[in-house]
Amino acid sequence: MEAVSQSRPPLVPADGAGLDRLEGPEAAARLYALAQNQEPGAGLWLRGADLSGEDLEGLDLSRCLLEGCRFTGAGLRHLSLADCILNRCDLSGAQAYDGSLLRCRWQGTKALGCSLAGVRARDWAAADCRLDALRLDDAGLERVCLARCTLAGANLSGLRWKQLTLSEVDLSGANITGCALRGLDLRSCRLEGLTAGPALRELRGAIVDPIQAAELARLLGLDIR
């Protein structure tokens, strides 16, 4: 398994050097215009944009740094982010299904109840993010690293993954039906109250510690004394 630090970094500079800087309403106007005109945006440093509830279907960004931007409840179907950093952004309630994340990094970002159903993500790293009730059903993940994130109550049904790393991730109450976790190291994760298929078949071959094993045994109805 790859560690978070080993995931491929995005190409955008983390300090915004060389990017076109836009703030507040000006940043929001640029993003809205890009979505409405179905034009790709590249090389932008966007700070404090608020596009809550807006229709931004097909928004396509590459080599962009987004800081403190709000997309709560926004329509983001077919969102495409490549080589982008999202720092302290908010996508809670956004509908961003059937999108694409390529070489992206999320830091301190919130996406409560956001739909990323069907997303294709490769070389995506998220750290210290609140992703409770996130929808990742039928998504495809490759070389993805999540660290110190909350995914409580998330929908991971039908999720497919390759080279996934979870470090200190809260999966309590998550739905993992149809998501095979064989070979995935879950020892640093919270697993209470998982929803899975018969006999927790999705967890066969997953790596857990003795305490987690006892909790999972209780889900199977075993009487441990």
Protein backbone atom coordinates (compact mmCIF):
# COMPACT_ATOMS: atom_id res chain seq x y z
CA MET A 1 0.00 0.00 0.00
CA GLU A 2 1.19 3.48 -0.79
CA ALA A 3 1.41 6.03 2.00
CA VAL A 4 -0.32 9.38 1.70
CA SER A 5 2.98 11.17 1.19
CA GLN A 6 3.78 8.89 -1.74
CA SER A 7 0.71 9.76 -3.81
CA ARG A 8 1.58 11.69 -6.93
CA PRO A 9 1.44 15.41 -6.15
CA PRO A 10 -0.70 17.80 -8.19
CA LEU A 11 1.14 19.94 -10.68
CA VAL A 12 -0.30 23.22 -9.36
CA PRO A 13 2.06 25.06 -6.97
CA ALA A 14 0.73 24.95 -3.41
CA ASP A 15 1.74 28.59 -2.85
CA GLY A 16 -0.14 29.80 -5.94
CA ALA A 17 3.03 31.04 -7.62
CA GLY A 18 2.45 31.91 -11.27
CA LEU A 19 -1.33 31.55 -11.08
CA ASP A 20 -3.93 34.17 -12.00
CA ARG A 21 -5.33 35.27 -8.61
CA LEU A 22 -9.01 36.07 -8.19
CA GLU A 23 -10.90 36.65 -4.94
CA GLY A 24 -14.47 36.78 -3.67
CA PRO A 25 -17.15 37.85 -6.19
CA GLU A 26 -14.59 38.09 -8.98
CA ALA A 27 -13.52 34.48 -8.42
CA ALA A 28 -17.17 33.35 -8.25
CA ALA A 29 -18.01 35.17 -11.48
CA ARG A 30 -15.11 33.51 -13.30
CA LEU A 31 -16.13 30.03 -12.15
CA TYR A 32 -19.79 30.62 -13.03
CA ALA A 33 -18.88 31.90 -16.50
CA LEU A 34 -16.64 28.90 -17.16
CA ALA A 35 -19.43 26.50 -16.27
CA GLN A 36 -22.14 28.32 -18.21
CA ASN A 37 -19.96 28.63 -21.32
CA GLN A 38 -18.60 25.08 -20.92
CA GLU A 39 -15.06 26.42 -21.13
CA PRO A 40 -12.11 24.84 -19.27
CA GLY A 41 -10.34 26.93 -16.67
CA ALA A 42 -6.61 26.60 -16.03
CA GLY A 43 -3.89 28.28 -13.99
CA LEU A 44 -6.23 30.03 -11.53
CA TRP A 45 -5.84 30.84 -7.82
CA LEU A 46 -9.41 31.25 -6.57
CA ARG A 47 -10.10 32.46 -3.04
CA GLY A 48 -13.37 32.96 -1.18
CA ALA A 49 -15.74 32.27 -4.07
CA ASP A 50 -19.31 31.47 -2.97
CA LEU A 51 -21.32 29.51 -5.53
CA SER A 52 -23.73 27.84 -3.15
CA GLY A 53 -26.77 26.43 -4.93
CA GLU A 54 -25.55 27.39 -8.41
CA ASP A 55 -25.77 25.17 -11.49
CA LEU A 56 -22.16 24.46 -12.45
CA GLU A 57 -22.63 21.27 -14.45
CA GLY A 58 -19.55 20.38 -16.49
CA LEU A 59 -17.16 22.68 -14.59
CA ASP A 60 -13.68 21.77 -15.84
CA LEU A 61 -10.62 23.01 -13.94
CA SER A 62 -6.94 22.15 -14.28
CA ARG A 63 -3.88 23.46 -12.44
CA CYS A 64 -6.05 25.51 -10.09
CA LEU A 65 -5.72 26.33 -6.40
CA LEU A 66 -9.05 26.85 -4.62
CA GLU A 67 -9.02 28.26 -1.09
CA GLY A 68 -12.06 28.84 1.10
CA CYS A 69 -14.50 28.40 -1.78
CA ARG A 70 -18.12 27.35 -1.12
CA PHE A 71 -20.10 25.05 -3.41
CA THR A 72 -22.77 23.97 -0.90
CA GLY A 73 -25.78 22.47 -2.66
CA ALA A 74 -24.32 23.29 -6.07
CA GLY A 75 -25.05 21.25 -9.19
CA LEU A 76 -21.63 19.92 -10.21
CA ARG A 77 -22.50 16.93 -12.37
CA HIS A 78 -19.57 15.89 -14.59
CA LEU A 79 -17.16 18.01 -12.52
CA SER A 80 -13.61 17.59 -13.80
CA LEU A 81 -10.64 18.52 -11.61
CA ALA A 82 -7.09 17.80 -12.77
CA ASP A 83 -3.94 18.87 -10.93
CA CYS A 84 -5.99 20.94 -8.47
CA ILE A 85 -5.72 21.68 -4.76
CA LEU A 86 -8.84 22.36 -2.66
CA ASN A 87 -7.91 23.96 0.65
CA ARG A 88 -10.65 24.55 3.27
CA CYS A 89 -13.41 24.45 0.66
CA ASP A 90 -17.03 23.38 1.27
CA LEU A 91 -18.90 21.04 -1.10
CA SER A 92 -21.55 19.95 1.39
CA GLY A 93 -24.72 18.80 -0.34
CA ALA A 94 -23.22 19.33 -3.79
CA GLN A 95 -24.25 16.98 -6.60
CA ALA A 96 -20.89 16.18 -8.19
CA TYR A 97 -21.67 12.69 -9.50
CA ASP A 98 -20.20 11.16 -12.67
CA GLY A 99 -17.16 13.40 -12.39
CA SER A 100 -13.39 13.02 -12.57
CA LEU A 101 -10.58 13.76 -10.09
CA LEU A 102 -7.06 13.43 -11.43
CA ARG A 103 -3.95 14.22 -9.37
CA CYS A 104 -5.91 16.31 -6.86
CA ARG A 105 -5.36 17.12 -3.21
CA TRP A 106 -8.05 18.11 -0.70
CA GLN A 107 -6.93 19.64 2.58
CA GLY A 108 -9.28 20.58 5.43
CA THR A 109 -12.21 20.47 3.01
CA LYS A 110 -15.82 19.69 3.95
CA ALA A 111 -18.18 17.66 1.77
CA LEU A 112 -21.00 16.55 4.07
CA GLY A 113 -23.66 14.67 2.10
CA CYS A 114 -21.93 15.47 -1.18
CA SER A 115 -22.56 13.06 -4.05
CA LEU A 116 -19.45 11.79 -5.83
CA ALA A 117 -21.35 8.74 -7.07
CA GLY A 118 -19.76 7.24 -10.14
CA VAL A 119 -16.70 9.49 -9.90
CA ARG A 120 -13.40 8.32 -11.39
CA ALA A 121 -10.54 9.37 -9.13
CA ARG A 122 -6.85 8.71 -9.70
CA ASP A 123 -3.97 10.02 -7.57
CA TRP A 124 -6.36 11.79 -5.19
CA ALA A 125 -5.20 12.59 -1.66
CA ALA A 126 -7.51 13.99 1.04
CA ALA A 127 -6.35 14.91 4.54
CA ASP A 128 -8.25 16.27 7.56
CA CYS A 129 -11.49 16.41 5.58
CA ARG A 130 -15.08 16.03 6.84
CA LEU A 131 -16.79 13.71 4.37
CA ASP A 132 -19.64 12.36 6.47
CA ALA A 133 -22.53 10.90 4.43
CA LEU A 134 -20.43 11.28 1.28
CA ARG A 135 -21.73 9.25 -1.65
CA LEU A 136 -19.03 7.24 -3.40
CA ASP A 137 -21.32 4.49 -4.64
CA ASP A 138 -20.21 2.91 -7.92
CA ALA A 139 -17.07 5.09 -7.92
CA GLY A 140 -13.70 3.94 -9.18
CA LEU A 141 -10.59 4.87 -7.15
CA GLU A 142 -6.97 4.27 -8.09
CA ARG A 143 -3.97 5.35 -6.02
CA VAL A 144 -6.19 7.23 -3.55
CA CYS A 145 -5.07 8.15 -0.02
CA LEU A 146 -7.41 9.37 2.72
CA ALA A 147 -5.90 10.45 6.04
CA ARG A 148 -7.64 11.66 9.20
CA CYS A 149 -10.94 12.00 7.36
CA THR A 150 -14.47 11.30 8.60
CA LEU A 151 -16.65 9.16 6.33
CA ALA A 152 -19.28 8.34 8.94
CA GLY A 153 -22.49 7.21 7.28
CA ALA A 154 -20.91 7.33 3.82
CA ASN A 155 -22.30 5.26 0.96
CA LEU A 156 -19.48 3.14 -0.52
CA SER A 157 -21.72 0.51 -2.11
CA GLY A 158 -20.30 -0.85 -5.33
CA LEU A 159 -17.06 1.10 -4.87
CA ARG A 160 -14.11 -0.29 -6.85
CA TRP A 161 -10.56 0.50 -5.83
CA LYS A 162 -6.93 -0.20 -6.60
CA GLN A 163 -4.09 0.95 -4.31
CA LEU A 164 -6.29 2.60 -1.69
CA THR A 165 -4.81 3.81 1.61
CA LEU A 166 -6.98 4.69 4.61
CA SER A 167 -5.23 6.19 7.63
CA GLU A 168 -7.25 7.15 10.73
CA VAL A 169 -10.48 7.26 8.75
CA ASP A 170 -13.86 7.13 10.51
CA LEU A 171 -16.05 4.66 8.60
CA SER A 172 -18.62 4.20 11.35
CA GLY A 173 -22.08 3.56 9.95
CA ALA A 174 -20.82 3.42 6.37
CA ASN A 175 -22.54 1.29 3.75
CA ILE A 176 -19.95 -1.00 2.13
CA THR A 177 -22.38 -3.37 0.42
CA GLY A 178 -20.79 -4.72 -2.74
CA CYS A 179 -17.41 -3.10 -2.01
CA ALA A 180 -14.79 -5.84 -1.59
CA LEU A 181 -12.13 -4.75 0.92
CA ARG A 182 -9.79 -7.73 0.63
CA GLY A 183 -6.20 -6.67 1.37
CA LEU A 184 -7.16 -3.21 2.64
CA ASP A 185 -5.52 -2.22 5.94
CA LEU A 186 -8.27 -0.91 8.24
CA ARG A 187 -6.42 -1.14 11.55
CA SER A 188 -6.36 2.63 12.14
CA CYS A 189 -10.00 3.11 11.11
CA ARG A 190 -13.32 3.17 12.97
CA LEU A 191 -15.65 0.42 11.77
CA GLU A 192 -18.61 0.49 14.16
CA GLY A 193 -22.05 -0.05 12.70
CA LEU A 194 -21.04 -0.92 9.16
CA THR A 195 -23.74 -1.97 6.72
CA ALA A 196 -22.61 -4.87 4.54
CA GLY A 197 -23.85 -7.93 2.72
CA PRO A 198 -24.60 -11.34 4.27
CA ALA A 199 -21.89 -12.56 6.66
CA LEU A 200 -19.95 -9.31 6.12
CA ARG A 201 -18.56 -10.83 2.94
CA GLU A 202 -17.16 -7.46 1.84
CA LEU A 203 -14.69 -7.61 4.74
CA ARG A 204 -13.23 -11.00 3.89
CA GLY A 205 -9.46 -10.65 3.64
CA ALA A 206 -9.40 -7.09 5.05
CA ILE A 207 -6.71 -6.36 7.65
CA VAL A 208 -8.13 -5.53 11.10
CA ASP A 209 -6.84 -5.59 14.68
CA PRO A 210 -8.21 -7.86 17.46
CA ILE A 211 -10.50 -5.20 18.90
CA GLN A 212 -12.02 -4.52 15.48
CA ALA A 213 -12.38 -8.25 14.89
CA ALA A 214 -14.41 -8.55 18.10
CA GLU A 215 -16.68 -5.69 17.04
CA LEU A 216 -17.23 -7.26 13.63
CA ALA A 217 -17.96 -10.58 15.27
CA ARG A 218 -20.76 -8.91 17.22
CA LEU A 219 -22.22 -7.68 13.92
CA LEU A 220 -22.34 -11.33 12.91
CA GLY A 221 -24.30 -12.12 16.04
CA LEU A 222 -21.54 -14.02 17.80
CA ASP A 223 -21.59 -14.17 21.60
CA ILE A 224 -18.01 -13.39 22.65
CA ARG A 225 -17.21 -14.22 26.29
